[in-house]
Protein backbone atom coordinates (compact mmCIF):
# COMPACT_ATOMS: atom_id res chain seq x y z
CA MET A 1 -7.06 -18.78 5.95
CA HIS A 2 -10.43 -17.15 6.89
CA ILE A 3 -10.71 -14.45 9.61
CA SER A 4 -14.11 -15.20 11.77
CA HIS A 5 -12.71 -12.97 14.19
CA LEU A 6 -10.42 -9.86 14.62
CA ASN A 7 -8.35 -11.50 16.76
CA ASP A 8 -6.86 -14.03 13.99
CA ALA A 9 -4.88 -10.50 12.79
CA PRO A 10 -2.02 -8.77 15.14
CA SER A 11 -2.84 -5.97 17.48
CA ALA A 12 -2.14 -2.77 16.63
CA ASN A 13 0.18 -2.16 19.18
CA ASP A 14 2.38 -5.88 18.63
CA TYR A 15 2.96 -4.55 15.09
CA LEU A 16 3.86 -0.88 15.85
CA LYS A 17 6.60 -2.76 18.38
CA ALA A 18 7.33 -4.93 15.61
CA LEU A 19 7.17 -2.08 13.15
CA GLU A 20 9.70 -0.13 15.60
CA TYR A 21 12.16 -2.64 16.11
CA GLU A 22 12.71 -3.63 12.44
CA GLU A 23 13.58 0.54 11.37
CA SER A 24 15.78 0.71 14.31
CA SER A 25 17.66 -2.52 13.55
CA ARG A 26 19.00 -0.65 10.51
CA GLU A 27 20.67 2.51 9.48
CA PHE A 28 20.36 4.82 6.61
CA LYS A 29 23.79 6.38 5.47
CA PRO A 30 24.67 8.35 2.81
CA VAL A 31 27.93 7.88 1.21
CA SER A 32 29.45 9.61 -2.02
CA ALA A 33 29.67 6.97 -4.85
CA GLY A 34 33.30 8.11 -4.64
CA LYS A 35 33.43 6.03 -1.20
CA LEU A 36 31.96 2.57 -2.92
CA LEU A 37 33.94 -0.20 -3.79
CA LEU A 38 33.43 -3.57 -4.97
CA ALA A 39 36.13 -5.58 -3.66
CA GLU A 40 37.09 -8.97 -5.32
CA GLY A 41 36.02 -11.03 -2.83
CA GLY A 42 32.73 -9.84 -3.03
CA LEU A 43 32.55 -7.69 0.32
CA LEU A 44 31.80 -3.73 -0.62
CA GLN A 45 34.07 -1.53 0.47
CA VAL A 46 31.72 1.78 2.98
CA GLU A 47 34.37 4.45 3.38
CA GLY A 48 37.00 2.17 3.82
CA GLU A 49 35.41 -0.36 5.76
CA LEU A 50 34.52 -4.25 4.18
CA LEU A 51 30.86 -5.49 4.67
CA GLU A 52 28.88 -8.18 3.78
CA ILE A 53 26.33 -7.60 0.74
CA ALA A 54 22.61 -9.22 0.87
CA ALA A 55 21.15 -10.30 -2.09
CA GLU A 56 18.56 -7.10 -2.19
CA ALA A 57 21.74 -5.05 -2.07
CA MET A 58 23.54 -6.69 -4.94
CA ILE A 59 20.47 -6.39 -7.08
CA ASP A 60 20.58 -2.79 -6.10
CA LEU A 61 24.44 -2.43 -7.24
CA ALA A 62 23.66 -4.05 -10.57
CA LYS A 63 20.87 -1.38 -11.10
CA LEU A 64 23.22 1.25 -10.24
CA ALA A 65 25.75 0.12 -12.69
CA GLN A 66 23.42 -0.51 -15.33
CA ILE A 67 24.23 -4.27 -15.43
CA PRO A 68 21.68 -6.92 -15.72
CA SER A 69 21.05 -8.28 -12.50
CA ASP A 70 21.13 -11.96 -13.38
CA TYR A 71 24.05 -11.68 -15.34
CA PHE A 72 25.81 -9.79 -12.47
CA LYS A 73 25.05 -12.27 -9.87
CA ASP A 74 26.57 -15.40 -12.02
CA ILE A 75 29.96 -13.75 -13.51
CA ASP A 76 32.91 -14.35 -11.87
CA PRO A 77 33.46 -12.26 -8.32
CA VAL A 78 36.65 -10.80 -10.09
CA LEU A 79 35.05 -9.63 -13.31
CA ARG A 80 32.12 -8.26 -11.30
CA SER A 81 33.81 -6.09 -9.21
CA ILE A 82 36.04 -4.75 -12.38
CA SER A 83 32.64 -4.34 -14.26
CA PHE A 84 30.99 -2.42 -11.23
CA ASN A 85 34.01 -0.15 -9.93
CA HIS A 86 34.49 0.95 -13.59
CA ARG A 87 30.74 1.35 -14.72
CA LEU A 88 29.57 2.82 -11.25
CA PHE A 89 31.37 6.23 -12.35
CA GLN A 90 30.19 5.96 -15.66
CA PHE A 91 26.70 6.95 -14.37
CA HIS A 92 27.22 8.52 -11.33
CA GLY A 93 29.66 11.34 -10.05
CA GLU A 94 32.13 10.35 -7.26
CA ASP A 95 30.30 13.15 -4.62
CA GLU A 96 26.74 11.98 -5.76
CA THR A 97 25.04 10.78 -2.53
CA LEU A 98 23.95 7.39 -2.08
CA GLU A 99 21.86 6.09 0.47
CA VAL A 100 23.12 2.91 2.15
CA THR A 101 21.29 0.57 4.38
CA VAL A 102 23.52 -1.23 7.23
CA SER A 103 21.70 -3.90 9.57
CA ASN A 104 23.20 -4.11 12.90
CA ASP A 105 25.33 -6.78 12.39
CA ASN A 106 26.76 -5.01 9.94
CA ALA A 107 25.30 -6.32 6.63
CA ILE A 108 24.49 -4.23 3.30
CA LEU A 109 20.70 -4.64 3.11
CA ARG A 110 20.29 -1.64 0.24
CA VAL A 111 22.11 0.86 -2.21
CA GLN A 112 19.82 3.21 -3.55
CA ARG A 113 20.02 6.81 -4.73
CA PRO A 114 18.26 8.82 -1.67
CA GLN A 115 14.74 9.60 -1.40
CA PHE A 116 13.98 12.65 0.45
CA GLY A 117 10.85 13.47 2.39
CA GLN A 118 10.61 9.62 3.60
CA PHE A 119 8.48 9.52 6.83
CA PRO A 120 9.17 6.45 9.65
CA ALA A 121 6.33 4.16 9.04
CA SER A 122 5.85 3.64 12.90
CA GLN A 123 5.81 6.85 13.35
CA ALA A 124 2.64 7.41 10.60
CA VAL A 125 0.61 4.04 12.33
CA GLN A 126 1.48 6.00 15.80
CA ALA A 127 -0.68 9.35 14.42
CA LEU A 128 -3.51 7.31 12.92
CA LEU A 129 -3.78 5.19 16.73
CA GLU A 130 -3.79 8.78 18.16
CA SER A 131 -6.49 9.61 16.02
CA VAL A 132 -9.11 6.46 16.81
CA PRO A 133 -12.69 8.21 18.25
CA GLU A 134 -13.20 8.44 21.65
CA HIS A 135 -15.18 5.00 21.78
CA THR A 136 -12.66 2.95 20.08
CA VAL A 137 -10.01 1.08 22.60
CA SER A 138 -7.00 1.19 20.82
CA ASN A 139 -5.46 -1.91 22.13
CA ASP A 140 -8.52 -3.68 20.38
CA ILE A 141 -7.51 -2.50 16.80
CA ARG A 142 -5.87 -4.86 14.55
CA VAL A 143 -3.67 -4.82 11.44
CA VAL A 144 -4.08 -6.12 7.94
CA GLU A 145 -1.11 -5.74 5.90
CA TYR A 146 -1.56 -5.83 2.02
CA GLY A 147 2.61 -5.40 1.34
CA ARG A 148 5.26 -3.65 2.77
CA GLY A 149 8.84 -3.08 1.05
CA ASP A 150 11.97 -1.07 2.64
CA ARG A 151 10.15 2.13 0.99
CA ARG A 152 6.30 1.58 1.05
CA LEU A 153 3.55 0.59 3.13
CA ASP A 154 0.16 -0.82 2.59
CA LEU A 155 -2.00 -1.50 5.67
CA ALA A 156 -5.31 -1.00 7.46
CA LEU A 157 -5.99 -0.42 11.25
CA ILE A 158 -9.30 -2.44 12.02
CA SER A 159 -11.33 -1.82 14.80
CA PRO A 160 -14.02 -4.34 15.91
CA ALA A 161 -15.85 -1.36 17.39
CA LEU A 162 -16.99 -0.23 14.29
CA GLU A 163 -19.21 -3.12 12.59
CA ALA A 164 -21.76 -3.29 9.81
CA GLU A 165 -23.70 -6.53 8.39
CA PRO A 166 -24.89 -6.04 5.29
CA HIS A 167 -25.99 -9.29 5.07
CA ARG A 168 -27.37 -11.47 8.31
CA GLY A 169 -23.96 -12.97 9.01
CA ASP A 170 -21.85 -10.88 6.94
CA ILE A 171 -19.54 -9.12 9.22
CA VAL A 172 -17.83 -5.63 7.80
CA CYS A 173 -15.47 -3.71 10.11
CA GLY A 174 -14.58 -0.25 9.51
CA GLY A 175 -10.70 1.33 10.29
CA VAL A 176 -8.24 3.56 8.49
CA HIS A 177 -6.19 2.29 5.73
CA LEU A 178 -2.38 3.71 5.27
CA THR A 179 -0.47 3.46 2.11
CA ILE A 180 3.44 5.06 2.27
CA GLU A 181 4.65 5.09 -1.40
CA GLU A 182 8.29 4.69 -2.30
CA ASN A 183 8.62 8.12 -2.93
CA GLY A 184 7.26 9.33 0.36
CA ALA A 185 3.61 10.35 -0.31
CA VAL A 186 1.02 9.36 2.68
CA GLN A 187 -2.46 8.61 2.03
CA VAL A 188 -5.06 7.94 4.32
CA GLY A 189 -8.44 7.02 4.30
CA PRO A 190 -11.41 5.00 5.71
CA GLU A 191 -11.19 1.22 5.66
CA SER A 192 -13.71 -1.68 5.55
CA PHE A 193 -12.76 -5.27 6.03
CA ARG A 194 -15.13 -8.04 5.21
CA LEU A 195 -14.27 -11.05 7.75
CA VAL A 196 -15.55 -13.68 6.02
CA CYS A 197 -13.57 -13.85 3.09
CA ARG A 198 -10.76 -11.01 4.08
CA ASN A 199 -11.27 -8.55 1.42
CA GLY A 200 -10.44 -4.88 1.92
CA ALA A 201 -11.49 -1.65 0.85
CA MET A 202 -10.46 1.80 1.32
CA ALA A 203 -11.60 5.39 -0.16
CA ARG A 204 -9.62 8.84 0.36
CA VAL A 205 -9.93 11.65 2.58
CA CYS A 206 -9.03 15.05 1.09
CA PRO A 207 -9.24 17.57 3.48
CA GLY A 208 -8.25 21.05 2.36
CA GLY A 209 -8.71 19.38 -1.34
CA LYS A 210 -5.13 17.26 -1.10
CA HIS A 211 -5.30 13.57 -0.69
CA ARG A 212 -1.50 12.90 -0.65
CA LEU A 213 0.45 13.84 2.29
CA ARG A 214 4.34 14.77 1.75
CA ARG A 215 7.07 15.77 4.45
CA GLY A 216 8.83 19.22 4.22
CA GLN A 217 12.28 19.87 4.69
CA GLY A 218 11.61 23.41 6.72
CA GLN A 219 12.01 24.02 10.23
CA ASN A 220 9.14 22.34 12.29
CA SER A 221 8.17 20.27 9.28
CA ASP A 222 8.07 17.10 10.96
CA ARG A 223 5.48 18.17 13.50
CA LYS A 224 3.76 19.92 10.81
CA PHE A 225 3.38 16.87 9.08
CA MET A 226 2.35 14.52 12.28
CA THR A 227 -0.44 17.28 13.18
CA THR A 228 -1.83 17.16 9.43
CA LEU A 229 -1.66 13.48 9.55
CA ARG A 230 -3.64 13.02 12.76
CA GLU A 231 -6.03 15.32 11.18
CA PHE A 232 -6.57 12.97 8.00
CA GLY A 233 -7.00 10.28 10.37
CA ARG A 234 -9.53 11.47 12.28
CA THR A 235 -11.51 12.37 9.29
CA ALA A 236 -10.97 8.65 8.06
CA TRP A 237 -12.08 7.27 11.44
CA ARG A 238 -15.27 9.39 11.41
CA ASP A 239 -16.01 8.63 8.02
CA TRP A 240 -17.18 4.85 8.79
CA ASP A 241 -20.56 5.83 9.30
CA HIS A 242 -20.74 7.06 5.81
CA VAL A 243 -18.93 3.72 4.49
CA LYS A 244 -21.93 1.81 6.59
CA GLN A 245 -24.50 3.34 5.24
CA GLY A 246 -23.06 2.87 2.03
CA LEU A 247 -22.32 -1.09 2.34
CA GLU A 248 -26.04 -1.72 3.41
CA SER A 249 -27.48 0.71 0.61
CA LEU A 250 -25.44 -1.45 -2.15
CA ALA A 251 -26.88 -4.92 -0.25
CA ARG A 252 -30.34 -3.59 -1.53
CA GLN A 253 -29.90 -2.29 -4.64
CA LYS A 254 -30.29 -5.01 -7.53
CA LEU A 255 -27.64 -5.30 -10.27
CA GLU A 256 -28.87 -7.09 -13.43
CA HIS A 257 -27.29 -9.50 -15.09
CA GLY A 258 -27.12 -7.80 -18.46
CA ASP A 259 -25.57 -4.95 -16.92
CA ILE A 260 -22.20 -6.95 -15.91
CA GLY A 261 -20.61 -7.39 -19.35
CA PRO A 262 -20.64 -3.50 -19.85
CA ILE A 263 -19.81 -2.49 -16.26
CA MET A 264 -16.91 -4.63 -16.39
CA GLN A 265 -15.73 -2.76 -19.94
CA GLY A 266 -16.03 0.26 -17.56
CA LEU A 267 -13.56 -1.15 -14.68
CA ARG A 268 -11.06 0.22 -17.16
CA ARG A 269 -11.75 3.74 -17.20
CA SER A 270 -12.27 5.97 -14.53
CA PRO A 271 -12.26 5.82 -11.55
CA PHE A 272 -10.35 2.10 -11.67
CA PHE A 273 -8.08 2.10 -14.68
CA ILE A 274 -7.16 -1.41 -14.67
CA SER A 275 -6.46 -4.06 -18.03
CA ALA A 276 -9.05 -6.04 -19.41
CA GLY A 277 -7.26 -8.84 -17.87
CA ALA A 278 -8.01 -7.80 -14.49
CA ALA A 279 -11.61 -7.03 -15.40
CA ARG A 280 -12.11 -10.56 -16.51
CA ARG A 281 -11.12 -11.48 -13.11
CA VAL A 282 -13.46 -9.92 -11.40
CA GLU A 283 -16.47 -10.68 -13.96
CA GLU A 284 -15.45 -14.49 -13.13
CA GLN A 285 -15.87 -13.75 -9.49
CA LEU A 286 -19.13 -11.60 -9.77
CA ARG A 287 -20.60 -14.64 -12.01
CA GLY A 288 -19.50 -17.11 -9.87
CA LEU A 289 -21.70 -15.52 -7.04
CA GLY A 290 -24.94 -16.68 -8.26
CA SER A 291 -28.26 -14.96 -10.10
CA ASP A 292 -29.53 -12.84 -7.78
CA LEU A 293 -27.10 -9.94 -7.42
CA THR A 294 -26.70 -6.76 -5.68
CA PHE A 295 -24.23 -3.91 -5.97
CA TYR A 296 -22.58 -5.26 -2.95
CA ASP A 297 -21.55 -8.40 -5.06
CA LEU A 298 -20.00 -6.57 -7.69
CA HIS A 299 -18.52 -4.46 -4.37
CA ASN A 300 -17.27 -7.93 -2.93
CA ALA A 301 -16.23 -9.16 -6.47
CA ILE A 302 -13.99 -6.40 -6.79
CA THR A 303 -12.33 -6.47 -3.28
CA TYR A 304 -11.99 -10.07 -3.82
CA VAL A 305 -9.36 -9.81 -7.00
CA GLY A 306 -8.32 -6.43 -5.22
CA SER A 307 -6.94 -8.27 -2.01
CA HIS A 308 -5.98 -11.91 -3.01
CA ASP A 309 -5.66 -12.43 -6.54
CA HIS A 310 -1.85 -11.97 -7.28
CA ASN A 311 -2.19 -13.37 -10.81
CA VAL A 312 -3.24 -9.35 -11.09
CA LEU A 313 -0.71 -6.42 -10.86
CA PRO A 314 -0.24 -4.90 -7.68
CA GLN A 315 -1.01 -1.67 -8.93
CA TYR A 316 -4.51 -2.59 -10.43
CA ARG A 317 -5.30 -4.69 -7.28
CA HIS A 318 -4.65 -1.51 -5.14
CA ARG A 319 -6.62 0.34 -7.46
CA LEU A 320 -9.41 -2.02 -7.26
CA ARG A 321 -9.44 -1.64 -3.30
CA LEU A 322 -9.37 2.21 -3.84
CA GLY A 323 -12.40 2.34 -6.52
CA ALA A 324 -14.39 -0.50 -4.12
CA GLY A 325 -13.97 1.89 -1.46
CA GLN A 326 -15.40 4.71 -3.43
CA LEU A 327 -17.99 2.52 -4.53
CA ALA A 328 -19.10 1.98 -0.80
CA ARG A 329 -19.06 6.04 -0.13
CA GLY A 330 -20.72 6.81 -3.12
CA ARG A 331 -24.16 6.50 -4.98
CA ALA A 332 -23.77 3.42 -7.56
CA GLY A 333 -25.95 3.09 -10.12
CA VAL A 334 -25.94 2.30 -14.03
CA CYS A 335 -25.95 4.89 -16.92
CA GLN A 336 -29.24 4.61 -18.28
CA GLU A 337 -27.82 5.18 -22.03
CA CYS A 338 -24.49 3.53 -22.04
CA ARG A 339 -25.10 0.99 -18.92
CA ARG A 340 -21.67 2.23 -17.68
CA LEU A 341 -20.95 2.02 -13.70
CA MET A 342 -21.53 5.83 -12.25
CA ILE A 343 -19.99 6.12 -8.94
CA GLY A 344 -21.46 9.46 -7.31
CA ALA A 345 -18.37 11.85 -8.56
CA ALA A 346 -16.20 9.61 -9.98
CA HIS A 347 -12.84 10.80 -10.35
CA SER A 348 -9.09 9.22 -11.15
CA LEU A 349 -7.28 7.15 -8.56
CA ASN A 350 -4.11 7.62 -9.72
């Protein structure tokens, strides 16, 4: 599906309500390993209460007991319970705390080691909505979600009020990108979203010299985290003017066909660090755009693979979108000696 206007994407307010409902529909319970027992009938006994086990939680149990998940799923239920109950205590002490995720209808959704510092995704989204510029109508903001799991979120808040047109009829809207990593770290930066193909690119903001935020555990840690997150959000929203100028500059800058090969080889190094296979996918996209190329075409080939190509590993797609965001914000060019792509002050995206 091509998004010709942002109304095809969910509004930020609707998305936030759905996210809040999803978070409120489950409970994260700390439970000592000694109070978990897999019953012969396939239920999990949690502190004496028998509960149904969801498919993802069954995989978690296999992982905790270090049993191959396919084997664990297919073996006889009695043997499964004996194996799990015996092996769990081989690898986890009875007093070790595990985190059990329970739904409102008392089903076990996940059983994992706890992740300290994890911040509710809905609160992070709310903080970025509270940071929008004065001329931006928050009710008009749309959400583009690239990926979401139990502990990971990868999305962009896009505002139709922030608009660029690098080529006639080629509309790119700006916004803010949010990544919540599985370890609880939060990253925020400016986002550009090309409507015609739903390609997204993001960069990082680094107020105070840091680009990852982590929730503390001390007094007032949540309040301090939210304050800093809003500051990051305001910086990212304000950076749109820089991104807009960068995209327009890329569209005016010619790209020689003889430089494509060396540039693709350079994608395996800083700031992208992708595989040779992922670089080939970018090259295929770029060469398919014709003969009269610009650096904006390179940007779009990178963002296409980063946004849509599921033959490329998720971590490479994320790095491509992040590298394209840096490309849009910096001074792009080709080294006259090695023909390698140069992007301002390039640095690692890891």
